[in-house]
């Protein structure tokens, strides 16, 4: 059984390792010449019109989490080994993980974009491909994968993962109300490409002298057109809430893909405001991605009930033939039934929220050199159990009309980070490169040892 949980934990870590957290480039929020500040606050207007380079106007990807590669991969005697290797001390490993180990993502890939002055304000148009990924790995699962049996009761619930991809068509407008106020908003039409959400809300394993029971509540919902669940017959016995024993003939066993088409549609809104206190001070606030996607054709697999057996007699004496550790190895495939999900078929449509983002900021212009500004920004992603927040303090300078940049320091849910942006914007051309989470030390394979890394870049043509 320890091997099974090791595989589950390793699979979760592999899924998490490809995640990327990439909200809009916070490092550019106070930077003169950065054209995409309106993505974080639709009230912000650019000084010039622009069109983006197709597919290269605004690319943003990265990683963030409180569980890093260096927390699960170790060097022992010149070899790279996983945390489950016996050479890795259990206490050393467990001290590096938390109760809820999280990795989140929000990837943006702009297909086309433009901004222009008209109708009494500043207008933006954009078509983006976006993807949101979230993973939570409970520390109890990693602990069980490492240490195996030591107690009689194990709470191994809390494992969850979600993936959502959609195309966003956004129309924005910003206008000046008076010398103090500027407001803006966006409407976004959403085309859902796919959504998969898996959640183990409850999983408690109880070991007794003559067997075990496992109470489990888990659900997998998938909205991907042309996808079907592979199934197989289960060999295990289940007990429903009424105490009746039954077999499951259609247990989830993977995915089959055929043709593909979008199967979700939705709408979202951004709202924002900018208030100029005086010539030196300004405050800004916004909410973005206030919206939803309605999906059709939900394929569901779930388990709600109890798995039990009295076929095994456990002894607390480690020297006995039926000790916990020895008998545990025999349970293997039988205890895998804890995570078996029964195919429920097509259960109809469902609606998912995007996960709204709140941005609060203040900016100060240095009075003795007005090309130098300082800013403080808080970004909070509101998304249920995947919610996170970050504070960022920045210094920004524009020494030349065609050159600007800045550096910043952030602290939040995923720890500290150092960010920067470099922006070249002569007449007719704009190139920016920036990071909210600068890459730290890399492994020999080029993988960041920290789970915090991010890169943004884009090429645009102002006029």
Protein backbone atom coordinates (compact mmCIF):
# COMPACT_ATOMS: atom_id res chain seq x y z
CA UNK A 1 0.00 0.00 0.00
CA UNK A 2 2.86 2.34 0.71
CA UNK A 3 3.95 1.83 -2.90
CA UNK A 4 0.46 2.76 -4.10
CA UNK A 5 0.43 5.98 -2.11
CA UNK A 6 3.94 6.73 -3.28
CA UNK A 7 2.72 6.46 -6.87
CA UNK A 8 -0.29 8.67 -6.13
CA UNK A 9 1.93 11.28 -4.47
CA UNK A 10 4.51 11.17 -7.24
CA UNK A 11 1.78 11.50 -9.92
CA UNK A 12 0.36 14.54 -8.13
CA UNK A 13 3.83 16.08 -7.95
CA UNK A 14 4.41 15.43 -11.66
CA UNK A 15 1.13 17.13 -12.51
CA UNK A 16 2.01 20.01 -10.24
CA UNK A 17 5.47 20.42 -11.75
CA UNK A 18 4.03 21.45 -15.13
CA UNK A 19 1.81 24.10 -13.61
CA UNK A 20 2.48 27.75 -14.11
CA UNK A 21 1.29 30.75 -12.21
CA UNK A 22 1.26 33.73 -14.49
CA UNK A 23 -1.11 36.49 -13.58
CA UNK A 24 -0.50 39.65 -15.57
CA UNK A 25 2.97 41.11 -15.18
CA UNK A 26 2.75 42.95 -11.85
CA UNK A 27 6.27 44.30 -12.33
CA UNK A 28 4.95 46.48 -15.16
CA UNK A 29 1.99 48.00 -13.34
CA UNK A 30 3.78 51.29 -12.52
CA UNK A 31 6.15 51.29 -15.51
CA UNK A 32 5.85 54.03 -18.10
CA UNK A 33 5.56 52.57 -21.60
CA UNK A 34 4.24 49.13 -20.56
CA UNK A 35 1.10 48.79 -22.72
CA UNK A 36 -0.77 46.09 -20.78
CA UNK A 37 -1.44 47.77 -17.47
CA UNK A 38 -5.11 47.81 -18.49
CA UNK A 39 -5.18 44.02 -18.04
CA UNK A 40 -4.80 44.60 -14.28
CA UNK A 41 -6.91 47.75 -14.12
CA UNK A 42 -9.15 48.69 -17.09
CA UNK A 43 -9.19 52.35 -16.00
CA UNK A 44 -5.54 52.78 -17.05
CA UNK A 45 -5.08 54.34 -20.49
CA UNK A 46 -1.97 54.39 -22.65
CA UNK A 47 -0.59 57.59 -24.16
CA UNK A 48 -0.45 56.05 -27.63
CA UNK A 49 -2.47 53.74 -29.83
CA UNK A 50 -0.96 50.32 -30.55
CA UNK A 51 -1.43 47.01 -32.31
CA UNK A 52 0.22 43.84 -31.11
CA UNK A 53 2.39 41.51 -33.10
CA UNK A 54 0.25 38.45 -33.91
CA UNK A 55 0.72 35.76 -31.25
CA UNK A 56 3.65 37.69 -29.70
CA UNK A 57 2.03 40.77 -28.17
CA UNK A 58 1.70 39.52 -24.60
CA UNK A 59 3.00 36.11 -23.50
CA UNK A 60 3.03 35.19 -19.83
CA UNK A 61 3.98 31.91 -18.17
CA UNK A 62 5.69 30.67 -15.02
CA UNK A 63 5.42 28.68 -11.80
CA UNK A 64 4.49 29.39 -8.19
CA UNK A 65 3.76 27.29 -5.13
CA UNK A 66 4.77 26.42 -1.61
CA UNK A 67 6.19 23.02 -2.64
CA UNK A 68 9.43 23.08 -4.62
CA UNK A 69 11.41 20.50 -6.55
CA UNK A 70 14.13 20.73 -3.91
CA UNK A 71 11.56 19.65 -1.28
CA UNK A 72 10.95 16.28 -2.95
CA UNK A 73 14.21 15.60 -4.83
CA UNK A 74 17.41 14.97 -2.88
CA UNK A 75 21.07 14.33 -3.61
CA UNK A 76 22.43 11.22 -1.94
CA UNK A 77 25.98 10.00 -2.61
CA UNK A 78 26.11 11.86 -5.91
CA UNK A 79 22.75 10.48 -7.09
CA UNK A 80 19.43 12.27 -7.46
CA UNK A 81 16.69 10.40 -5.58
CA UNK A 82 12.99 10.95 -4.82
CA UNK A 83 11.79 11.58 -1.27
CA UNK A 84 10.53 7.98 -1.03
CA UNK A 85 14.10 6.65 -1.25
CA UNK A 86 15.20 5.02 2.06
CA UNK A 87 18.34 7.16 2.11
CA UNK A 88 16.20 10.28 2.67
CA UNK A 89 15.48 10.84 6.36
CA UNK A 90 11.74 11.06 7.04
CA UNK A 91 12.07 14.03 9.40
CA UNK A 92 14.21 15.93 6.88
CA UNK A 93 11.53 15.45 4.22
CA UNK A 94 8.51 16.16 6.45
CA UNK A 95 10.06 19.39 7.77
CA UNK A 96 10.06 20.77 4.24
CA UNK A 97 6.37 20.26 3.43
CA UNK A 98 3.20 21.87 4.75
CA UNK A 99 -0.28 20.62 5.53
CA UNK A 100 -1.58 21.99 2.19
CA UNK A 101 0.99 21.93 -0.59
CA UNK A 102 -0.19 24.12 -3.45
CA UNK A 103 0.75 24.96 -7.00
CA UNK A 104 -1.43 27.27 -9.09
CA UNK A 105 -1.42 28.64 -12.61
CA UNK A 106 -3.00 31.32 -14.75
CA UNK A 107 -1.42 31.36 -18.21
CA UNK A 108 -2.13 34.06 -20.79
CA UNK A 109 -1.20 33.84 -24.47
CA UNK A 110 -2.44 36.75 -26.54
CA UNK A 111 -3.42 35.98 -30.13
CA UNK A 112 -4.05 39.60 -31.09
CA UNK A 113 -4.59 42.94 -29.38
CA UNK A 114 -4.98 46.65 -29.99
CA UNK A 115 -5.56 49.91 -28.15
CA UNK A 116 -6.79 53.23 -29.54
CA UNK A 117 -8.23 56.60 -28.56
CA UNK A 118 -11.87 57.15 -29.59
CA UNK A 119 -15.37 57.87 -28.25
CA UNK A 120 -14.10 60.18 -25.54
CA UNK A 121 -11.67 57.72 -24.00
CA UNK A 122 -9.21 54.89 -24.56
CA UNK A 123 -10.35 51.55 -25.97
CA UNK A 124 -8.79 48.09 -26.03
CA UNK A 125 -9.51 44.91 -27.97
CA UNK A 126 -7.91 41.56 -27.28
CA UNK A 127 -8.21 37.88 -28.10
CA UNK A 128 -6.38 35.70 -25.60
CA UNK A 129 -5.93 32.00 -24.95
CA UNK A 130 -6.00 31.45 -21.20
CA UNK A 131 -5.48 28.44 -18.98
CA UNK A 132 -5.94 28.08 -15.23
CA UNK A 133 -4.46 25.14 -13.32
CA UNK A 134 -4.62 24.47 -9.58
CA UNK A 135 -3.30 21.59 -7.48
CA UNK A 136 -3.49 20.91 -3.74
CA UNK A 137 -1.53 17.97 -2.31
CA UNK A 138 -2.26 17.24 1.36
CA UNK A 139 0.79 16.80 3.54
CA UNK A 140 -0.78 13.67 5.05
CA UNK A 141 -0.63 11.93 1.66
CA UNK A 142 3.06 12.74 1.25
CA UNK A 143 3.71 11.65 4.84
CA UNK A 144 2.00 8.31 4.29
CA UNK A 145 3.92 7.80 1.06
CA UNK A 146 7.16 8.33 2.97
CA UNK A 147 6.59 6.69 6.35
CA UNK A 148 3.95 4.02 5.68
CA UNK A 149 2.02 2.54 8.60
CA UNK A 150 2.65 4.00 12.01
CA UNK A 151 -0.86 4.78 13.29
CA UNK A 152 -4.29 3.17 13.07
CA UNK A 153 -6.16 6.11 11.51
CA UNK A 154 -5.12 8.13 8.48
CA UNK A 155 -6.85 11.24 7.15
CA UNK A 156 -5.70 11.34 3.54
CA UNK A 157 -8.38 13.62 2.07
CA UNK A 158 -7.88 17.08 0.61
CA UNK A 159 -6.26 16.08 -2.68
CA UNK A 160 -7.62 18.23 -5.51
CA UNK A 161 -6.73 19.39 -9.00
CA UNK A 162 -8.45 21.49 -11.64
CA UNK A 163 -7.67 22.60 -15.18
CA UNK A 164 -9.63 25.07 -17.26
CA UNK A 165 -8.85 26.47 -20.72
CA UNK A 166 -10.79 29.03 -22.71
CA UNK A 167 -10.55 31.73 -25.35
CA UNK A 168 -11.29 35.28 -24.20
CA UNK A 169 -12.53 38.06 -26.49
CA UNK A 170 -12.25 41.32 -24.51
CA UNK A 171 -13.54 44.83 -25.26
CA UNK A 172 -12.49 47.63 -22.91
CA UNK A 173 -13.13 51.33 -22.46
CA UNK A 174 -11.50 53.87 -20.14
CA UNK A 175 -12.44 57.50 -19.74
CA UNK A 176 -11.53 60.52 -17.64
CA UNK A 177 -14.36 61.79 -15.42
CA UNK A 178 -12.59 64.90 -14.10
CA UNK A 179 -9.14 66.01 -13.02
CA UNK A 180 -9.20 63.53 -10.14
CA UNK A 181 -11.04 60.46 -11.42
CA UNK A 182 -10.61 58.00 -14.27
CA UNK A 183 -12.74 54.84 -14.56
CA UNK A 184 -12.83 51.89 -16.92
CA UNK A 185 -14.37 48.54 -17.63
CA UNK A 186 -14.18 45.51 -19.88
CA UNK A 187 -16.63 42.92 -21.09
CA UNK A 188 -15.19 39.54 -21.97
CA UNK A 189 -16.89 36.88 -24.07
CA UNK A 190 -15.59 33.42 -23.22
CA UNK A 191 -15.43 30.25 -25.29
CA UNK A 192 -14.73 27.22 -23.11
CA UNK A 193 -12.21 24.74 -24.50
CA UNK A 194 -12.24 22.29 -21.61
CA UNK A 195 -12.56 21.86 -17.86
CA UNK A 196 -11.51 19.00 -15.58
CA UNK A 197 -11.99 19.13 -11.82
CA UNK A 198 -11.02 16.36 -9.39
CA UNK A 199 -11.58 16.56 -5.65
CA UNK A 200 -11.08 14.08 -2.81
CA UNK A 201 -13.07 15.90 -0.15
CA UNK A 202 -12.91 13.08 2.41
CA UNK A 203 -10.72 9.99 2.77
CA UNK A 204 -10.25 8.38 6.17
CA UNK A 205 -8.56 5.00 6.52
CA UNK A 206 -9.14 3.10 9.77
CA UNK A 207 -7.08 -0.01 10.57
CA UNK A 208 -8.34 -2.59 13.04
CA UNK A 209 -7.09 -5.88 14.35
CA UNK A 210 -9.17 -7.88 11.85
CA UNK A 211 -9.23 -5.64 8.81
CA UNK A 212 -9.80 -2.06 7.73
CA UNK A 213 -12.49 0.38 6.67
CA UNK A 214 -12.10 3.37 4.40
CA UNK A 215 -14.68 6.16 4.13
CA UNK A 216 -14.25 8.10 0.91
CA UNK A 217 -15.95 10.97 -0.90
CA UNK A 218 -14.33 11.83 -4.22
CA UNK A 219 -15.54 13.21 -7.53
CA UNK A 220 -14.16 13.83 -10.99
CA UNK A 221 -16.04 16.13 -13.39
CA UNK A 222 -14.84 16.61 -16.96
CA UNK A 223 -16.17 18.91 -19.67
CA UNK A 224 -14.14 18.14 -22.78
CA UNK A 225 -16.01 17.58 -26.02
CA UNK A 226 -15.13 14.28 -27.69
CA UNK A 227 -13.73 12.76 -24.52
CA UNK A 228 -15.07 9.60 -22.86
CA UNK A 229 -14.01 7.70 -19.75
CA UNK A 230 -12.32 4.33 -20.09
CA UNK A 231 -13.81 1.88 -17.60
CA UNK A 232 -13.21 -1.58 -16.17
CA UNK A 233 -14.94 -3.92 -13.74
CA UNK A 234 -13.85 -3.68 -10.10
CA UNK A 235 -12.94 -6.73 -8.03
CA UNK A 236 -13.66 -5.01 -4.72
CA UNK A 237 -16.69 -4.94 -2.46
CA UNK A 238 -18.36 -1.67 -1.54
CA UNK A 239 -20.89 -0.76 1.12
CA UNK A 240 -23.45 1.97 0.47
CA UNK A 241 -24.91 4.30 3.08
CA UNK A 242 -27.68 1.79 3.80
CA UNK A 243 -25.20 -0.98 4.58
CA UNK A 244 -25.76 -2.93 1.36
CA UNK A 245 -22.75 -4.57 -0.31
CA UNK A 246 -22.34 -4.27 -4.08
CA UNK A 247 -19.86 -4.50 -6.97
CA UNK A 248 -18.88 -1.72 -9.39
CA UNK A 249 -18.86 -2.73 -13.05
CA UNK A 250 -17.77 0.62 -14.55
CA UNK A 251 -14.74 2.01 -12.71
CA UNK A 252 -12.81 4.95 -14.17
CA UNK A 253 -9.65 3.76 -15.94
CA UNK A 254 -8.45 6.71 -18.04
CA UNK A 255 -9.59 8.84 -20.97
CA UNK A 256 -10.51 8.21 -24.62
CA UNK A 257 -10.44 11.12 -27.10
CA UNK A 258 -12.27 11.39 -30.41
CA UNK A 259 -13.26 14.57 -32.23
CA UNK A 260 -13.06 17.93 -30.45
CA UNK A 261 -15.07 21.15 -30.32
CA UNK A 262 -15.67 23.90 -27.73
CA UNK A 263 -18.40 23.04 -25.24
CA UNK A 264 -18.67 26.04 -22.93
CA UNK A 265 -19.69 29.67 -23.19
CA UNK A 266 -19.60 32.48 -20.66
CA UNK A 267 -19.05 36.12 -19.89
CA UNK A 268 -16.86 38.11 -17.49
CA UNK A 269 -16.28 41.73 -16.52
CA UNK A 270 -13.38 43.90 -15.34
CA UNK A 271 -14.01 47.13 -13.46
CA UNK A 272 -11.47 49.65 -12.22
CA UNK A 273 -10.84 53.15 -11.02
CA UNK A 274 -7.95 55.59 -10.65
CA UNK A 275 -7.97 58.53 -8.23
CA UNK A 276 -5.33 61.27 -8.31
CA UNK A 277 -4.93 62.69 -4.80
CA UNK A 278 -2.44 65.36 -5.91
CA UNK A 279 0.38 65.71 -8.41
CA UNK A 280 2.52 63.25 -6.45
CA UNK A 281 0.06 60.62 -5.18
CA UNK A 282 -2.36 58.30 -6.94
CA UNK A 283 -4.45 55.29 -5.79
CA UNK A 284 -5.93 52.57 -8.00
CA UNK A 285 -8.36 49.68 -7.45
CA UNK A 286 -9.88 47.03 -9.69
CA UNK A 287 -11.63 43.69 -9.90
CA UNK A 288 -10.94 41.51 -12.92
CA UNK A 289 -12.40 38.25 -14.23
CA UNK A 290 -15.76 38.61 -12.52
CA UNK A 291 -17.54 35.94 -14.51
CA UNK A 292 -18.39 32.33 -15.30
CA UNK A 293 -18.47 29.67 -17.99
CA UNK A 294 -21.51 27.40 -18.49
CA UNK A 295 -20.36 23.95 -19.63
CA UNK A 296 -22.37 21.21 -21.32
CA UNK A 297 -21.91 17.44 -21.33
CA UNK A 298 -20.36 16.86 -17.90
CA UNK A 299 -18.79 13.41 -17.62
CA UNK A 300 -18.67 12.38 -13.97
CA UNK A 301 -16.94 9.65 -12.00
CA UNK A 302 -17.40 9.49 -8.24
CA UNK A 303 -17.29 7.43 -5.10
CA UNK A 304 -19.27 8.04 -1.93
CA UNK A 305 -19.31 5.31 0.67
CA UNK A 306 -17.22 2.76 2.51
CA UNK A 307 -14.76 0.09 1.51
CA UNK A 308 -14.14 -2.61 4.11
CA UNK A 309 -12.68 -6.08 4.58
CA UNK A 310 -12.02 -8.55 7.39
CA UNK A 311 -9.73 -10.75 5.31
CA UNK A 312 -6.62 -9.50 7.07
CA UNK A 313 -5.64 -9.92 10.71
CA UNK A 314 -3.10 -7.39 11.91
CA UNK A 315 -0.67 -7.81 14.78
CA UNK A 316 0.92 -4.91 16.63
CA UNK A 317 4.05 -7.01 17.08
CA UNK A 318 6.51 -6.17 14.31
CA UNK A 319 8.09 -9.63 14.59
CA UNK A 320 4.86 -11.53 13.88
CA UNK A 321 4.15 -12.94 10.41
CA UNK A 322 1.01 -10.78 10.18
CA UNK A 323 2.50 -7.55 11.54
CA UNK A 324 1.21 -4.25 10.19
CA UNK A 325 4.15 -3.74 7.86
CA UNK A 326 4.16 -7.29 6.48
CA UNK A 327 0.39 -7.58 6.09
CA UNK A 328 0.25 -4.12 4.57
CA UNK A 329 2.36 -5.23 1.62
CA UNK A 330 -0.20 -7.96 0.88
CA UNK A 331 -3.11 -5.52 0.68
CA UNK A 332 -1.73 -3.79 -2.43
CA UNK A 333 -4.34 -3.78 -5.17
CA UNK A 334 -7.21 -4.36 -2.74
CA UNK A 335 -6.67 -1.06 -0.96
CA UNK A 336 -6.38 0.71 -4.30
CA UNK A 337 -10.19 0.54 -4.26
CA UNK A 338 -10.12 3.55 -1.91
CA UNK A 339 -9.53 5.78 -4.94
CA UNK A 340 -11.68 3.88 -7.46
CA UNK A 341 -14.28 6.14 -9.08
CA UNK A 342 -17.46 4.77 -10.59
CA UNK A 343 -18.48 6.12 -14.01
CA UNK A 344 -21.74 8.06 -13.58
CA UNK A 345 -22.06 8.94 -17.28
CA UNK A 346 -23.23 12.31 -18.59
CA UNK A 347 -24.81 14.27 -15.73
CA UNK A 348 -25.67 17.38 -17.76
CA UNK A 349 -24.32 20.91 -17.62
CA UNK A 350 -22.54 22.79 -14.86
CA UNK A 351 -21.23 26.30 -14.29
CA UNK A 352 -17.78 27.28 -13.03
CA UNK A 353 -16.46 30.65 -11.90
CA UNK A 354 -13.22 32.04 -13.29
CA UNK A 355 -11.69 33.09 -10.00
CA UNK A 356 -11.76 36.87 -9.63
CA UNK A 357 -8.66 38.99 -9.00
CA UNK A 358 -8.57 42.11 -6.81
CA UNK A 359 -5.82 44.69 -7.34
CA UNK A 360 -5.21 47.56 -4.91
CA UNK A 361 -2.33 49.97 -5.52
CA UNK A 362 -0.78 53.28 -4.58
CA UNK A 363 1.79 55.25 -6.58
CA UNK A 364 4.15 58.04 -5.52
CA UNK A 365 6.05 60.30 -7.95
CA UNK A 366 9.41 61.45 -6.60
CA UNK A 367 9.14 65.27 -6.63
CA UNK A 368 12.86 65.96 -7.27
CA UNK A 369 13.06 63.62 -10.27
CA UNK A 370 9.61 63.01 -11.68
CA UNK A 371 10.76 60.20 -13.95
CA UNK A 372 11.22 58.10 -10.79
CA UNK A 373 8.14 56.55 -9.13
CA UNK A 374 7.49 54.15 -6.29
CA UNK A 375 4.51 51.83 -6.05
CA UNK A 376 2.89 49.37 -3.65
CA UNK A 377 0.45 46.81 -5.02
CA UNK A 378 -1.62 44.03 -3.52
CA UNK A 379 -2.98 41.30 -5.80
CA UNK A 380 -5.44 38.75 -4.40
CA UNK A 381 -6.83 35.89 -6.43
CA UNK A 382 -10.22 34.81 -5.04
CA UNK A 383 -10.79 31.20 -6.07
CA UNK A 384 -12.06 29.09 -3.18
CA UNK A 385 -9.47 26.67 -1.84
CA UNK A 386 -6.99 27.95 -4.44
CA UNK A 387 -7.06 31.60 -3.22
CA UNK A 388 -3.72 33.39 -2.93
CA UNK A 389 -2.42 36.91 -2.27
CA UNK A 390 0.76 38.89 -2.93
CA UNK A 391 2.17 42.33 -1.95
CA UNK A 392 4.74 44.00 -4.22
CA UNK A 393 6.86 47.13 -3.58
CA UNK A 394 8.49 48.61 -6.68
CA UNK A 395 10.79 51.37 -7.88
CA UNK A 396 10.38 52.46 -11.50
CA UNK A 397 12.34 54.84 -13.69
CA UNK A 398 12.06 56.26 -17.22
CA UNK A 399 15.46 57.95 -17.87
CA UNK A 400 14.69 58.41 -21.58
CA UNK A 401 11.49 58.85 -23.58
CA UNK A 402 12.06 55.48 -25.24
CA UNK A 403 13.40 53.52 -22.25
CA UNK A 404 11.83 52.52 -18.93
CA UNK A 405 12.12 49.78 -16.35
CA UNK A 406 11.82 48.86 -12.72
CA UNK A 407 12.68 46.45 -9.94
CA UNK A 408 10.46 45.19 -7.14
CA UNK A 409 10.18 42.86 -4.18
CA UNK A 410 7.14 40.75 -3.42
CA UNK A 411 5.89 38.68 -0.48
CA UNK A 412 2.76 36.59 -0.20
CA UNK A 413 1.19 33.13 -0.14
CA UNK A 414 4.05 31.57 -2.11
CA UNK A 415 6.86 33.30 -0.25
CA UNK A 416 9.24 36.10 -1.27
CA UNK A 417 10.09 37.03 -4.85
CA UNK A 418 12.23 39.49 -6.78
CA UNK A 419 10.83 41.03 -9.96
CA UNK A 420 11.93 43.34 -12.76
CA UNK A 421 10.89 44.75 -16.13
CA UNK A 422 12.84 46.20 -19.05
CA UNK A 423 10.85 48.12 -21.68
CA UNK A 424 12.16 49.64 -24.93
CA UNK A 425 9.59 51.84 -26.67
CA UNK A 426 10.95 54.11 -29.41
CA UNK A 427 8.53 55.50 -31.97
CA UNK A 428 6.64 52.68 -33.71
CA UNK A 429 8.09 49.81 -31.66
CA UNK A 430 7.63 48.42 -28.13
CA UNK A 431 9.45 45.45 -26.62
CA UNK A 432 9.11 44.41 -23.00
CA UNK A 433 10.64 41.57 -20.99
CA UNK A 434 9.98 41.02 -17.30
CA UNK A 435 9.73 38.59 -14.41
CA UNK A 436 7.63 38.74 -11.26
CA UNK A 437 9.53 35.72 -9.91
CA UNK A 438 13.16 35.73 -11.03
CA UNK A 439 14.65 32.32 -11.65
CA UNK A 440 16.84 31.03 -8.85
CA UNK A 441 19.14 28.04 -8.83
CA UNK A 442 18.47 25.40 -11.48
CA UNK A 443 18.97 21.65 -11.41
CA UNK A 444 21.29 19.95 -13.89
CA UNK A 445 18.23 19.37 -16.09
CA UNK A 446 17.44 23.11 -16.10
CA UNK A 447 14.44 22.81 -13.76
CA UNK A 448 14.07 25.57 -11.11
CA UNK A 449 14.71 24.17 -7.63
CA UNK A 450 12.21 26.71 -6.31
CA UNK A 451 8.61 26.48 -7.53
CA UNK A 452 8.49 30.27 -8.06
CA UNK A 453 9.50 31.45 -11.52
CA UNK A 454 7.79 33.58 -14.15
CA UNK A 455 8.53 35.21 -17.50
CA UNK A 456 6.57 37.74 -19.55
CA UNK A 457 7.43 39.28 -22.89
CA UNK A 458 5.81 40.94 -25.88
CA UNK A 459 6.31 42.90 -29.08
CA UNK A 460 3.89 45.67 -30.05
CA UNK A 461 3.70 48.56 -32.51
CA UNK A 462 2.57 51.94 -31.11
CA UNK A 463 1.38 54.74 -33.41
